[in-house]
Amino acid sequence: MKQTVPGSRTKPGFLKISGVWALLVIVLSLLMILPVGGQITVVPPEVTITDLATYHIGDTIILSGTTNLAPGNDLLVEVLSQSFGPTQEKAGGTFFGVSGTTLVRKGPGEKNTWSFSFDTATFGPDTYLVTVTGVTVPKAVATSSFSLIASTLTQTPLQTTPPTMLPTTIPTESTPPPTPTGLSVIPLVGAIMLTLAGFGIVRRKG
């Protein structure tokens, strides 16, 4: 007779018990990573821009703000003239603006900080739009604006010390000799002699 070796079979009850233990382990693992209160809080990424003022052409503007992004993240900063829209871009209008990236740095508190500086010597007077966006976290976006006006001319201060006056010499006019009012004696005597001589010549002829 051929003997049959009974095979090992898993009991259905053992599968149920194993599934319960696996579920219990998962629940315990989740409880260990949950914060106090049993809720998982997802903080959305954010970035802020410090309030801006009115600047003059030629000023160096320093943009700054805070963010909850970790230090080392890159932020894209874009400054664009408000009047430079799609129409001016297609028509080849003059572009005023600047863009660049800056790193997030560790802040003194819960928020981290960032900053970005640029010169406005080649800019024109206008309202400028500022946009700050996370490079790897594009949902972190902030916008602001500032006004740029023409620089005021520096006026030359009035001279408070009177200028030194050099002495001027007035030339002395020479007194002209008096004009004679009567006939001179010598010309008068000569006229008489000529008259007498002419009279004598006429008388001799007669």
C-alpha atoms as a PDB file:
ATOM      1  CA  MET A   1       0.000   0.000   0.000  1.00  0.00           C
ATOM      2  CA  LYS A   2       1.180   3.445  -0.824  1.00  0.00           C
ATOM      3  CA  GLN A   3       1.450   5.692   2.186  1.00  0.00           C
ATOM      4  CA  THR A   4       0.286   9.232   1.916  1.00  0.00           C
ATOM      5  CA  VAL A   5       2.227  11.874   3.856  1.00  0.00           C
ATOM      6  CA  PRO A   6      -0.129  14.548   5.060  1.00  0.00           C
ATOM      7  CA  GLY A   7       1.007  18.040   3.922  1.00  0.00           C
ATOM      8  CA  SER A   8       1.251  21.053   6.240  1.00  0.00           C
ATOM      9  CA  ARG A   9      -1.748  23.327   5.959  1.00  0.00           C
ATOM     10  CA  THR A  10      -2.150  26.856   7.394  1.00  0.00           C
ATOM     11  CA  LYS A  11      -5.170  27.243   9.518  1.00  0.00           C
ATOM     12  CA  PRO A  12      -7.581  30.099   8.603  1.00  0.00           C
ATOM     13  CA  GLY A  13      -7.479  31.370  12.161  1.00  0.00           C
ATOM     14  CA  PHE A  14      -3.727  31.939  11.973  1.00  0.00           C
ATOM     15  CA  LEU A  15      -4.156  34.213   8.941  1.00  0.00           C
ATOM     16  CA  LYS A  16      -6.667  36.324  10.816  1.00  0.00           C
ATOM     17  CA  ILE A  17      -4.402  36.670  13.820  1.00  0.00           C
ATOM     18  CA  SER A  18      -1.403  37.642  11.629  1.00  0.00           C
ATOM     19  CA  GLY A  19      -3.438  40.315   9.848  1.00  0.00           C
ATOM     20  CA  VAL A  20      -4.558  41.840  13.139  1.00  0.00           C
ATOM     21  CA  TRP A  21      -0.983  42.003  14.404  1.00  0.00           C
ATOM     22  CA  ALA A  22       0.207  43.674  11.197  1.00  0.00           C
ATOM     23  CA  LEU A  23      -2.521  46.290  11.415  1.00  0.00           C
ATOM     24  CA  LEU A  24      -1.706  46.897  15.066  1.00  0.00           C
ATOM     25  CA  VAL A  25       1.962  47.457  14.232  1.00  0.00           C
ATOM     26  CA  ILE A  26       1.037  50.011  11.541  1.00  0.00           C
ATOM     27  CA  VAL A  27      -1.260  51.909  13.917  1.00  0.00           C
ATOM     28  CA  LEU A  28       1.397  52.012  16.620  1.00  0.00           C
ATOM     29  CA  SER A  29       3.971  53.305  14.115  1.00  0.00           C
ATOM     30  CA  LEU A  30       1.663  56.125  13.062  1.00  0.00           C
ATOM     31  CA  LEU A  31       1.011  57.085  16.676  1.00  0.00           C
ATOM     32  CA  MET A  32       4.738  57.343  17.310  1.00  0.00           C
ATOM     33  CA  ILE A  33       5.307  59.842  14.474  1.00  0.00           C
ATOM     34  CA  LEU A  34       2.218  61.950  15.167  1.00  0.00           C
ATOM     35  CA  PRO A  35       2.745  65.171  17.157  1.00  0.00           C
ATOM     36  CA  VAL A  36       1.023  65.736  20.492  1.00  0.00           C
ATOM     37  CA  GLY A  37      -2.685  66.073  19.855  1.00  0.00           C
ATOM     38  CA  GLY A  38      -2.778  63.352  17.254  1.00  0.00           C
ATOM     39  CA  GLN A  39      -2.979  65.670  14.189  1.00  0.00           C
ATOM     40  CA  ILE A  40      -0.586  66.047  11.263  1.00  0.00           C
ATOM     41  CA  THR A  41      -0.244  69.733  10.311  1.00  0.00           C
ATOM     42  CA  VAL A  42       0.933  70.503   6.778  1.00  0.00           C
ATOM     43  CA  VAL A  43       2.321  74.067   6.590  1.00  0.00           C
ATOM     44  CA  PRO A  44       2.055  75.587   3.101  1.00  0.00           C
ATOM     45  CA  PRO A  45       5.242  77.191   1.758  1.00  0.00           C
ATOM     46  CA  GLU A  46       5.272  80.956   2.009  1.00  0.00           C
ATOM     47  CA  VAL A  47       7.531  83.943   1.369  1.00  0.00           C
ATOM     48  CA  THR A  48       7.051  87.605   2.276  1.00  0.00           C
ATOM     49  CA  ILE A  49       8.495  90.933   1.063  1.00  0.00           C
ATOM     50  CA  THR A  50       9.253  93.765   3.459  1.00  0.00           C
ATOM     51  CA  ASP A  51       7.230  96.915   2.740  1.00  0.00           C
ATOM     52  CA  LEU A  52       8.819  99.101   0.061  1.00  0.00           C
ATOM     53  CA  ALA A  53       8.936 102.888  -0.208  1.00  0.00           C
ATOM     54  CA  THR A  54       9.543 105.499  -2.923  1.00  0.00           C
ATOM     55  CA  TYR A  55      13.083 105.652  -4.288  1.00  0.00           C
ATOM     56  CA  HIS A  56      15.084 108.000  -6.557  1.00  0.00           C
ATOM     57  CA  ILE A  57      16.887 106.984  -9.727  1.00  0.00           C
ATOM     58  CA  GLY A  58      20.456 106.089  -8.797  1.00  0.00           C
ATOM     59  CA  ASP A  59      19.554 104.585  -5.401  1.00  0.00           C
ATOM     60  CA  THR A  60      20.670 101.085  -4.477  1.00  0.00           C
ATOM     61  CA  ILE A  61      17.536  99.207  -3.430  1.00  0.00           C
ATOM     62  CA  ILE A  62      17.756  96.271  -1.015  1.00  0.00           C
ATOM     63  CA  LEU A  63      14.773  93.920  -1.128  1.00  0.00           C
ATOM     64  CA  SER A  64      14.288  91.594   1.841  1.00  0.00           C
ATOM     65  CA  GLY A  65      11.728  89.412   3.551  1.00  0.00           C
ATOM     66  CA  THR A  66      11.036  86.149   5.365  1.00  0.00           C
ATOM     67  CA  THR A  67      10.127  82.599   4.356  1.00  0.00           C
ATOM     68  CA  ASN A  68       9.423  79.241   5.935  1.00  0.00           C
ATOM     69  CA  LEU A  69      11.573  77.486   3.339  1.00  0.00           C
ATOM     70  CA  ALA A  70      14.678  75.828   4.680  1.00  0.00           C
ATOM     71  CA  PRO A  71      18.045  77.601   4.484  1.00  0.00           C
ATOM     72  CA  GLY A  72      19.846  76.920   1.219  1.00  0.00           C
ATOM     73  CA  ASN A  73      16.726  77.092  -0.957  1.00  0.00           C
ATOM     74  CA  ASP A  74      16.918  79.387  -3.977  1.00  0.00           C
ATOM     75  CA  LEU A  75      14.474  82.237  -4.531  1.00  0.00           C
ATOM     76  CA  LEU A  76      13.971  83.903  -7.907  1.00  0.00           C
ATOM     77  CA  VAL A  77      13.592  87.701  -7.617  1.00  0.00           C
ATOM     78  CA  GLU A  78      12.131  89.614 -10.582  1.00  0.00           C
ATOM     79  CA  VAL A  79      11.796  93.408 -10.803  1.00  0.00           C
ATOM     80  CA  LEU A  80       9.911  94.677 -13.848  1.00  0.00           C
ATOM     81  CA  SER A  81       8.764  98.131 -14.965  1.00  0.00           C
ATOM     82  CA  GLN A  82       4.974  98.280 -14.919  1.00  0.00           C
ATOM     83  CA  SER A  83       4.823 100.107 -18.257  1.00  0.00           C
ATOM     84  CA  PHE A  84       6.844  97.352 -19.964  1.00  0.00           C
ATOM     85  CA  GLY A  85       3.984  95.070 -20.969  1.00  0.00           C
ATOM     86  CA  PRO A  86       3.534  92.619 -23.863  1.00  0.00           C
ATOM     87  CA  THR A  87       2.782  95.482 -26.287  1.00  0.00           C
ATOM     88  CA  GLN A  88       6.009  97.337 -25.535  1.00  0.00           C
ATOM     89  CA  GLU A  89       7.966  94.073 -25.594  1.00  0.00           C
ATOM     90  CA  LYS A  90       6.755  93.224 -29.103  1.00  0.00           C
ATOM     91  CA  ALA A  91       7.363  96.784 -30.309  1.00  0.00           C
ATOM     92  CA  GLY A  92      10.896  96.773 -28.946  1.00  0.00           C
ATOM     93  CA  GLY A  93      10.229  99.206 -26.096  1.00  0.00           C
ATOM     94  CA  THR A  94      12.852 100.140 -23.535  1.00  0.00           C
ATOM     95  CA  PHE A  95      13.171  97.537 -20.780  1.00  0.00           C
ATOM     96  CA  PHE A  96      13.762  98.587 -17.202  1.00  0.00           C
ATOM     97  CA  GLY A  97      14.195  95.856 -14.631  1.00  0.00           C
ATOM     98  CA  VAL A  98      16.419  93.186 -13.157  1.00  0.00           C
ATOM     99  CA  SER A  99      16.193  89.538 -12.100  1.00  0.00           C
ATOM    100  CA  GLY A 100      18.358  87.096 -10.191  1.00  0.00           C
ATOM    101  CA  THR A 101      18.418  84.403  -7.515  1.00  0.00           C
ATOM    102  CA  THR A 102      19.217  84.598  -3.830  1.00  0.00           C
ATOM    103  CA  LEU A 103      19.681  82.009  -1.081  1.00  0.00           C
ATOM    104  CA  VAL A 104      17.443  81.569   1.943  1.00  0.00           C
ATOM    105  CA  ARG A 105      19.424  82.150   5.125  1.00  0.00           C
ATOM    106  CA  LYS A 106      18.796  81.004   8.689  1.00  0.00           C
ATOM    107  CA  GLY A 107      16.723  83.558  10.559  1.00  0.00           C
ATOM    108  CA  PRO A 108      16.918  84.552  14.219  1.00  0.00           C
ATOM    109  CA  GLY A 109      13.457  83.097  14.954  1.00  0.00           C
ATOM    110  CA  GLU A 110      11.116  80.598  13.394  1.00  0.00           C
ATOM    111  CA  LYS A 111      11.235  82.380  10.031  1.00  0.00           C
ATOM    112  CA  ASN A 112      14.243  82.355   7.725  1.00  0.00           C
ATOM    113  CA  THR A 113      15.326  85.442   5.778  1.00  0.00           C
ATOM    114  CA  TRP A 114      16.386  86.486   2.278  1.00  0.00           C
ATOM    115  CA  SER A 115      17.696  89.670   0.619  1.00  0.00           C
ATOM    116  CA  PHE A 116      18.448  90.948  -2.889  1.00  0.00           C
ATOM    117  CA  SER A 117      20.059  94.276  -3.886  1.00  0.00           C
ATOM    118  CA  PHE A 118      20.374  96.114  -7.212  1.00  0.00           C
ATOM    119  CA  ASP A 119      21.337  99.541  -8.609  1.00  0.00           C
ATOM    120  CA  THR A 120      18.782 101.806 -10.337  1.00  0.00           C
ATOM    121  CA  ALA A 121      21.203 104.139 -12.157  1.00  0.00           C
ATOM    122  CA  THR A 122      20.031 102.900 -15.587  1.00  0.00           C
ATOM    123  CA  PHE A 123      16.335 102.681 -14.692  1.00  0.00           C
ATOM    124  CA  GLY A 124      13.589 105.083 -15.768  1.00  0.00           C
ATOM    125  CA  PRO A 125      10.919 106.696 -13.579  1.00  0.00           C
ATOM    126  CA  ASP A 126       7.995 104.300 -13.186  1.00  0.00           C
ATOM    127  CA  THR A 127       6.191 101.904 -10.844  1.00  0.00           C
ATOM    128  CA  TYR A 128       8.046  98.588 -10.544  1.00  0.00           C
ATOM    129  CA  LEU A 129       6.530  95.187  -9.766  1.00  0.00           C
ATOM    130  CA  VAL A 130       8.490  92.782  -7.551  1.00  0.00           C
ATOM    131  CA  THR A 131       7.880  89.016  -7.646  1.00  0.00           C
ATOM    132  CA  VAL A 132       9.682  86.492  -5.425  1.00  0.00           C
ATOM    133  CA  THR A 133       9.223  82.780  -6.206  1.00  0.00           C
ATOM    134  CA  GLY A 134      10.758  79.609  -4.822  1.00  0.00           C
ATOM    135  CA  VAL A 135      12.874  77.914  -7.482  1.00  0.00           C
ATOM    136  CA  THR A 136      12.273  74.357  -6.284  1.00  0.00           C
ATOM    137  CA  VAL A 137       9.041  75.272  -4.443  1.00  0.00           C
ATOM    138  CA  PRO A 138       7.104  77.397  -6.960  1.00  0.00           C
ATOM    139  CA  LYS A 139       4.060  77.596  -4.680  1.00  0.00           C
ATOM    140  CA  ALA A 140       6.009  79.972  -2.427  1.00  0.00           C
ATOM    141  CA  VAL A 141       5.217  83.280  -4.162  1.00  0.00           C
ATOM    142  CA  ALA A 142       5.067  86.908  -2.983  1.00  0.00           C
ATOM    143  CA  THR A 143       4.475  90.149  -4.916  1.00  0.00           C
ATOM    144  CA  SER A 144       4.920  93.833  -4.123  1.00  0.00           C
ATOM    145  CA  SER A 145       5.696  97.146  -5.868  1.00  0.00           C
ATOM    146  CA  PHE A 146       7.598 100.406  -5.424  1.00  0.00           C
ATOM    147  CA  SER A 147       7.844 103.786  -7.173  1.00  0.00           C
ATOM    148  CA  LEU A 148      11.007 105.168  -8.725  1.00  0.00           C
ATOM    149  CA  ILE A 149      11.166 108.915  -9.407  1.00  0.00           C
ATOM    150  CA  ALA A 150      13.727 111.225 -10.970  1.00  0.00           C
ATOM    151  CA  SER A 151      16.557 112.286  -8.696  1.00  0.00           C
ATOM    152  CA  THR A 152      16.477 115.860  -7.414  1.00  0.00           C
ATOM    153  CA  LEU A 153      19.272 118.151  -8.540  1.00  0.00           C
ATOM    154  CA  THR A 154      21.634 119.322  -5.826  1.00  0.00           C
ATOM    155  CA  GLN A 155      21.436 123.104  -5.580  1.00  0.00           C
ATOM    156  CA  THR A 156      24.604 125.124  -5.050  1.00  0.00           C
ATOM    157  CA  PRO A 157      24.408 126.788  -1.629  1.00  0.00           C
ATOM    158  CA  LEU A 158      24.363 130.574  -1.584  1.00  0.00           C
ATOM    159  CA  GLN A 159      27.648 132.277  -0.709  1.00  0.00           C
ATOM    160  CA  THR A 160      27.401 133.612   2.814  1.00  0.00           C
ATOM    161  CA  THR A 161      30.830 135.317   2.956  1.00  0.00           C
ATOM    162  CA  PRO A 162      30.897 138.549   0.927  1.00  0.00           C
ATOM    163  CA  PRO A 163      33.589 138.562  -1.752  1.00  0.00           C
ATOM    164  CA  THR A 164      36.751 140.561  -1.131  1.00  0.00           C
ATOM    165  CA  MET A 165      36.550 143.897  -2.942  1.00  0.00           C
ATOM    166  CA  LEU A 166      39.799 145.017  -4.540  1.00  0.00           C
ATOM    167  CA  PRO A 167      40.503 148.789  -4.339  1.00  0.00           C
ATOM    168  CA  THR A 168      39.982 150.554  -7.626  1.00  0.00           C
ATOM    169  CA  THR A 169      42.067 153.597  -8.589  1.00  0.00           C
ATOM    170  CA  ILE A 170      40.135 156.315 -10.365  1.00  0.00           C
ATOM    171  CA  PRO A 171      42.437 158.043 -12.902  1.00  0.00           C
ATOM    172  CA  THR A 172      42.907 161.772 -12.392  1.00  0.00           C
ATOM    173  CA  GLU A 173      41.872 163.755 -15.434  1.00  0.00           C
ATOM    174  CA  SER A 174      44.314 166.491 -16.490  1.00  0.00           C
ATOM    175  CA  THR A 175      42.853 169.997 -16.699  1.00  0.00           C
ATOM    176  CA  PRO A 176      42.992 171.248 -20.299  1.00  0.00           C
ATOM    177  CA  PRO A 177      44.606 174.672 -20.858  1.00  0.00           C
ATOM    178  CA  PRO A 178      42.132 177.536 -21.042  1.00  0.00           C
ATOM    179  CA  THR A 179      40.967 178.461 -24.535  1.00  0.00           C
ATOM    180  CA  PRO A 180      42.029 182.062 -25.428  1.00  0.00           C
ATOM    181  CA  THR A 181      39.063 184.312 -25.856  1.00  0.00           C
ATOM    182  CA  GLY A 182      40.781 187.211 -27.668  1.00  0.00           C
ATOM    183  CA  LEU A 183      43.300 187.671 -30.476  1.00  0.00           C
ATOM    184  CA  SER A 184      46.958 187.144 -29.728  1.00  0.00           C
ATOM    185  CA  VAL A 185      49.268 190.211 -29.743  1.00  0.00           C
ATOM    186  CA  ILE A 186      51.805 188.817 -32.224  1.00  0.00           C
ATOM    187  CA  PRO A 187      49.310 187.916 -34.953  1.00  0.00           C
ATOM    188  CA  LEU A 188      47.687 191.312 -34.516  1.00  0.00           C
ATOM    189  CA  VAL A 189      51.001 193.184 -35.016  1.00  0.00           C
ATOM    190  CA  GLY A 190      51.757 191.106 -38.098  1.00  0.00           C
ATOM    191  CA  ALA A 191      48.402 191.962 -39.614  1.00  0.00           C
ATOM    192  CA  ILE A 192      49.014 195.715 -39.059  1.00  0.00           C
ATOM    193  CA  MET A 193      52.478 195.554 -40.687  1.00  0.00           C
ATOM    194  CA  LEU A 194      51.098 193.745 -43.729  1.00  0.00           C
ATOM    195  CA  THR A 195      48.356 196.370 -44.038  1.00  0.00           C
ATOM    196  CA  LEU A 196      50.810 199.299 -43.914  1.00  0.00           C
ATOM    197  CA  ALA A 197      53.161 197.633 -46.379  1.00  0.00           C
ATOM    198  CA  GLY A 198      50.351 197.124 -48.820  1.00  0.00           C
ATOM    199  CA  PHE A 199      49.237 200.671 -48.442  1.00  0.00           C
ATOM    200  CA  GLY A 200      52.765 201.956 -49.229  1.00  0.00           C
ATOM    201  CA  ILE A 201      53.034 199.864 -52.368  1.00  0.00           C
ATOM    202  CA  VAL A 202      49.756 201.196 -53.679  1.00  0.00           C
ATOM    203  CA  ARG A 203      50.766 204.753 -52.976  1.00  0.00           C
ATOM    204  CA  ARG A 204      54.074 204.401 -54.850  1.00  0.00           C
ATOM    205  CA  LYS A 205      52.288 203.200 -57.912  1.00  0.00           C
ATOM    206  CA  GLY A 206      50.121 206.204 -57.820  1.00  0.00           C
END
